[in-house]
Amino acid sequence: MSEPKERTGGSRYLYEPFEYARADTVKANERVQDERWRGLEYRLGQIELMLERLEKRVWLTIFGVTAAVLSETIIGLLGGAGL
């Protein structure tokens, strides 16, 4: 690369290669995207935990309703046989 010119005033873009600013912008964008990705993974993990809890509750409800229906059926059969 060529040696940077001596600054005598004016805009810094006259003396510094513009690619450096672009490279810094790309690196900053990559860091922002990495942080967004980590945030997204965290939120997805939280959603996954909530779905697992919901699934447990649904299964407990299904088993509870099934047990209630079966117990009512058995009580009905035993009560009808005794009369």
C-alpha atoms as a PDB file:
ATOM      1  CA  MET A   1       0.000   0.000   0.000  1.00  0.00           C
ATOM      2  CA  SER A   2       1.077   3.543  -0.454  1.00  0.00           C
ATOM      3  CA  GLU A   3       2.125   5.694   2.456  1.00  0.00           C
ATOM      4  CA  PRO A   4      -0.644   7.940   3.818  1.00  0.00           C
ATOM      5  CA  LYS A   5      -0.292  11.571   2.809  1.00  0.00           C
ATOM      6  CA  GLU A   6       0.609  14.135   5.393  1.00  0.00           C
ATOM      7  CA  ARG A   7      -2.462  15.933   6.715  1.00  0.00           C
ATOM      8  CA  THR A   8      -2.618  19.592   5.963  1.00  0.00           C
ATOM      9  CA  GLY A   9      -6.327  20.149   6.577  1.00  0.00           C
ATOM     10  CA  GLY A  10      -9.594  19.321   4.913  1.00  0.00           C
ATOM     11  CA  SER A  11     -11.611  16.153   4.983  1.00  0.00           C
ATOM     12  CA  ARG A  12     -10.149  12.964   6.408  1.00  0.00           C
ATOM     13  CA  TYR A  13     -11.515  11.078   3.407  1.00  0.00           C
ATOM     14  CA  LEU A  14      -8.966  12.835   1.213  1.00  0.00           C
ATOM     15  CA  TYR A  15      -6.157  11.175   3.142  1.00  0.00           C
ATOM     16  CA  GLU A  16      -7.540   7.858   4.416  1.00  0.00           C
ATOM     17  CA  PRO A  17      -8.572   5.054   2.090  1.00  0.00           C
ATOM     18  CA  PHE A  18     -12.349   4.699   1.984  1.00  0.00           C
ATOM     19  CA  GLU A  19     -12.135   0.891   2.221  1.00  0.00           C
ATOM     20  CA  TYR A  20     -11.195   1.162   5.902  1.00  0.00           C
ATOM     21  CA  ALA A  21     -14.452   2.861   6.754  1.00  0.00           C
ATOM     22  CA  ARG A  22     -16.316   0.225   4.760  1.00  0.00           C
ATOM     23  CA  ALA A  23     -14.474  -2.615   6.529  1.00  0.00           C
ATOM     24  CA  ASP A  24     -15.345  -1.117   9.916  1.00  0.00           C
ATOM     25  CA  THR A  25     -18.978  -0.858   8.854  1.00  0.00           C
ATOM     26  CA  VAL A  26     -19.018  -4.495   7.776  1.00  0.00           C
ATOM     27  CA  LYS A  27     -17.465  -5.591  11.079  1.00  0.00           C
ATOM     28  CA  ALA A  28     -19.970  -3.501  13.046  1.00  0.00           C
ATOM     29  CA  ASN A  29     -22.847  -5.003  11.069  1.00  0.00           C
ATOM     30  CA  GLU A  30     -21.518  -8.508  11.745  1.00  0.00           C
ATOM     31  CA  ARG A  31     -21.368  -7.773  15.483  1.00  0.00           C
ATOM     32  CA  VAL A  32     -24.927  -6.431  15.420  1.00  0.00           C
ATOM     33  CA  GLN A  33     -26.130  -9.513  13.535  1.00  0.00           C
ATOM     34  CA  ASP A  34     -24.341 -11.804  16.015  1.00  0.00           C
ATOM     35  CA  GLU A  35     -26.016 -10.035  18.936  1.00  0.00           C
ATOM     36  CA  ARG A  36     -29.413 -10.257  17.249  1.00  0.00           C
ATOM     37  CA  TRP A  37     -28.860 -13.953  16.597  1.00  0.00           C
ATOM     38  CA  ARG A  38     -27.995 -14.574  20.257  1.00  0.00           C
ATOM     39  CA  GLY A  39     -31.123 -12.701  21.302  1.00  0.00           C
ATOM     40  CA  LEU A  40     -33.221 -14.724  18.893  1.00  0.00           C
ATOM     41  CA  GLU A  41     -31.776 -17.996  20.188  1.00  0.00           C
ATOM     42  CA  TYR A  42     -32.517 -16.915  23.767  1.00  0.00           C
ATOM     43  CA  ARG A  43     -36.127 -16.029  22.927  1.00  0.00           C
ATOM     44  CA  LEU A  44     -36.616 -19.277  21.028  1.00  0.00           C
ATOM     45  CA  GLY A  45     -35.271 -21.186  24.024  1.00  0.00           C
ATOM     46  CA  GLN A  46     -37.786 -19.430  26.282  1.00  0.00           C
ATOM     47  CA  ILE A  47     -40.624 -20.247  23.879  1.00  0.00           C
ATOM     48  CA  GLU A  48     -39.502 -23.877  23.784  1.00  0.00           C
ATOM     49  CA  LEU A  49     -39.591 -24.077  27.599  1.00  0.00           C
ATOM     50  CA  MET A  50     -43.084 -22.585  27.671  1.00  0.00           C
ATOM     51  CA  LEU A  51     -44.276 -25.077  25.058  1.00  0.00           C
ATOM     52  CA  GLU A  52     -42.914 -27.986  27.097  1.00  0.00           C
ATOM     53  CA  ARG A  53     -44.768 -26.735  30.187  1.00  0.00           C
ATOM     54  CA  LEU A  54     -47.954 -26.297  28.169  1.00  0.00           C
ATOM     55  CA  GLU A  55     -47.611 -29.809  26.775  1.00  0.00           C
ATOM     56  CA  LYS A  56     -47.319 -31.236  30.307  1.00  0.00           C
ATOM     57  CA  ARG A  57     -50.439 -29.347  31.375  1.00  0.00           C
ATOM     58  CA  VAL A  58     -52.395 -30.583  28.357  1.00  0.00           C
ATOM     59  CA  TRP A  59     -51.430 -34.199  29.047  1.00  0.00           C
ATOM     60  CA  LEU A  60     -52.354 -33.865  32.724  1.00  0.00           C
ATOM     61  CA  THR A  61     -55.741 -32.449  31.696  1.00  0.00           C
ATOM     62  CA  ILE A  62     -56.325 -35.299  29.224  1.00  0.00           C
ATOM     63  CA  PHE A  63     -55.423 -37.922  31.837  1.00  0.00           C
ATOM     64  CA  GLY A  64     -57.606 -36.209  34.441  1.00  0.00           C
ATOM     65  CA  VAL A  65     -60.650 -36.102  32.169  1.00  0.00           C
ATOM     66  CA  THR A  66     -60.081 -39.714  31.126  1.00  0.00           C
ATOM     67  CA  ALA A  67     -59.808 -40.807  34.765  1.00  0.00           C
ATOM     68  CA  ALA A  68     -63.033 -38.941  35.650  1.00  0.00           C
ATOM     69  CA  VAL A  69     -64.941 -40.495  32.755  1.00  0.00           C
ATOM     70  CA  LEU A  70     -63.657 -43.986  33.582  1.00  0.00           C
ATOM     71  CA  SER A  71     -64.492 -43.616  37.268  1.00  0.00           C
ATOM     72  CA  GLU A  72     -68.039 -42.446  36.446  1.00  0.00           C
ATOM     73  CA  THR A  73     -68.447 -45.392  34.057  1.00  0.00           C
ATOM     74  CA  ILE A  74     -67.220 -47.892  36.654  1.00  0.00           C
ATOM     75  CA  ILE A  75     -69.429 -46.383  39.377  1.00  0.00           C
ATOM     76  CA  GLY A  76     -72.402 -46.554  37.003  1.00  0.00           C
ATOM     77  CA  LEU A  77     -71.727 -50.200  36.150  1.00  0.00           C
ATOM     78  CA  LEU A  78     -71.206 -51.228  39.784  1.00  0.00           C
ATOM     79  CA  GLY A  79     -74.210 -49.249  41.005  1.00  0.00           C
ATOM     80  CA  GLY A  80     -76.510 -50.682  38.341  1.00  0.00           C
ATOM     81  CA  ALA A  81     -75.415 -54.264  39.044  1.00  0.00           C
ATOM     82  CA  GLY A  82     -76.295 -53.980  42.758  1.00  0.00           C
ATOM     83  CA  LEU A  83     -79.965 -53.014  42.083  1.00  0.00           C
END
